[in-house]
Protein backbone atom coordinates (compact mmCIF):
# COMPACT_ATOMS: atom_id res chain seq x y z
CA MET A 1 0.00 0.00 0.00
CA PRO A 2 1.33 3.49 -0.75
CA GLN A 3 2.78 5.51 2.12
CA PHE A 4 2.41 9.25 2.55
CA VAL A 5 3.95 11.91 4.77
CA ILE A 6 1.55 14.57 6.02
CA GLU A 7 2.69 17.96 7.25
CA ARG A 8 0.34 19.54 9.77
CA ASP A 9 0.87 23.19 10.75
CA MET A 10 -0.17 23.35 14.40
CA PRO A 11 1.44 26.32 16.21
CA GLY A 12 2.50 25.41 19.74
CA VAL A 13 1.84 21.68 19.35
CA GLY A 14 5.26 20.84 20.80
CA GLY A 15 4.12 22.32 24.10
CA LEU A 16 1.15 19.99 24.51
CA SER A 17 1.14 17.76 27.55
CA PRO A 18 1.32 13.96 27.25
CA ASP A 19 -2.39 13.81 28.12
CA GLN A 20 -3.26 16.28 25.37
CA LEU A 21 -1.22 14.28 22.84
CA LYS A 22 -2.95 11.12 24.03
CA ASP A 23 -6.37 12.75 23.49
CA ALA A 24 -5.37 13.80 19.96
CA SER A 25 -4.10 10.29 19.23
CA GLN A 26 -7.32 8.74 20.50
CA GLY A 27 -9.38 11.08 18.33
CA SER A 28 -7.34 10.12 15.29
CA CYS A 29 -7.68 6.41 16.04
CA ASN A 30 -11.45 6.74 16.45
CA VAL A 31 -11.72 8.22 12.96
CA LEU A 32 -9.39 5.54 11.55
CA ARG A 33 -11.72 2.86 12.93
CA GLN A 34 -14.66 4.57 11.22
CA LEU A 35 -12.82 4.70 7.89
CA GLY A 36 -11.86 1.03 7.98
CA PRO A 37 -8.70 -0.95 7.30
CA ASP A 38 -7.67 0.85 4.09
CA ILE A 39 -5.94 3.63 6.04
CA GLN A 40 -3.27 3.11 8.69
CA TRP A 41 -1.37 5.57 10.86
CA VAL A 42 2.28 4.45 11.10
CA HIS A 43 3.76 7.13 13.38
CA SER A 44 4.21 10.89 13.80
CA TYR A 45 6.94 13.34 14.72
CA VAL A 46 5.93 16.29 16.88
CA THR A 47 8.01 19.47 16.58
CA ASP A 48 7.45 22.92 18.09
CA ASP A 49 4.85 24.01 15.53
CA LYS A 50 4.18 21.04 13.27
CA ILE A 51 3.37 17.37 13.25
CA TYR A 52 4.76 15.14 10.49
CA CYS A 53 2.74 11.94 10.11
CA VAL A 54 3.38 8.81 8.09
CA TYR A 55 0.28 6.99 6.86
CA ARG A 56 -0.48 4.05 4.60
CA ALA A 57 -3.50 4.57 2.36
CA PRO A 58 -4.60 3.88 -1.19
CA SER A 59 -5.05 7.58 -1.95
CA GLU A 60 -4.37 11.12 -0.82
CA GLU A 61 -8.12 11.68 -0.85
CA LEU A 62 -8.64 9.17 1.98
CA ILE A 63 -5.95 10.90 4.05
CA ARG A 64 -7.66 14.26 3.50
CA ARG A 65 -10.97 12.74 4.57
CA HIS A 66 -9.37 11.47 7.79
CA ALA A 67 -7.90 14.92 8.51
CA GLU A 68 -11.28 16.61 7.98
CA MET A 69 -13.16 14.13 10.15
CA ALA A 70 -10.54 14.25 12.92
CA GLY A 71 -10.28 18.06 12.83
CA PHE A 72 -6.56 18.13 12.00
CA PRO A 73 -4.96 20.22 9.27
CA ALA A 74 -3.27 18.47 6.36
CA ASN A 75 -1.23 21.32 4.92
CA SER A 76 0.71 19.08 2.58
CA ILE A 77 0.55 15.42 1.66
CA ALA A 78 3.33 13.75 -0.31
CA ARG A 79 3.59 10.17 -1.48
CA ILE A 80 6.76 8.49 -0.22
CA CYS A 81 8.78 7.16 -3.16
CA ALA A 82 11.58 5.49 -1.20
CA THR A 83 13.08 5.23 2.24
CA ILE A 84 16.80 5.62 2.85
CA ASP A 85 18.96 5.40 5.94
CA PRO A 86 22.67 4.89 6.72
CA THR A 87 22.48 1.27 5.56
CA THR A 88 21.56 2.51 2.07
CA ALA A 89 25.16 3.69 1.72
CA ASP A 90 26.52 0.16 2.17
């Protein structure tokens, strides 16, 4: 299944408490359950003012639908073409 990286502009998000992040995660998971098994949240990186999320989904449209239903921005969505890391250099 294709993977996508989603950039979410959320000023101050890095200052949220663990409980607030848990609530946001639970809200996202609730919407994922409603949308069914075709969309999966892999993980996210929280920075000061943005969240970068990796999802598996058949289309960008389904990711946008999740964002709308969950109440999260999806400022940019890009399909991941490849993954590299230090072992790629070997």
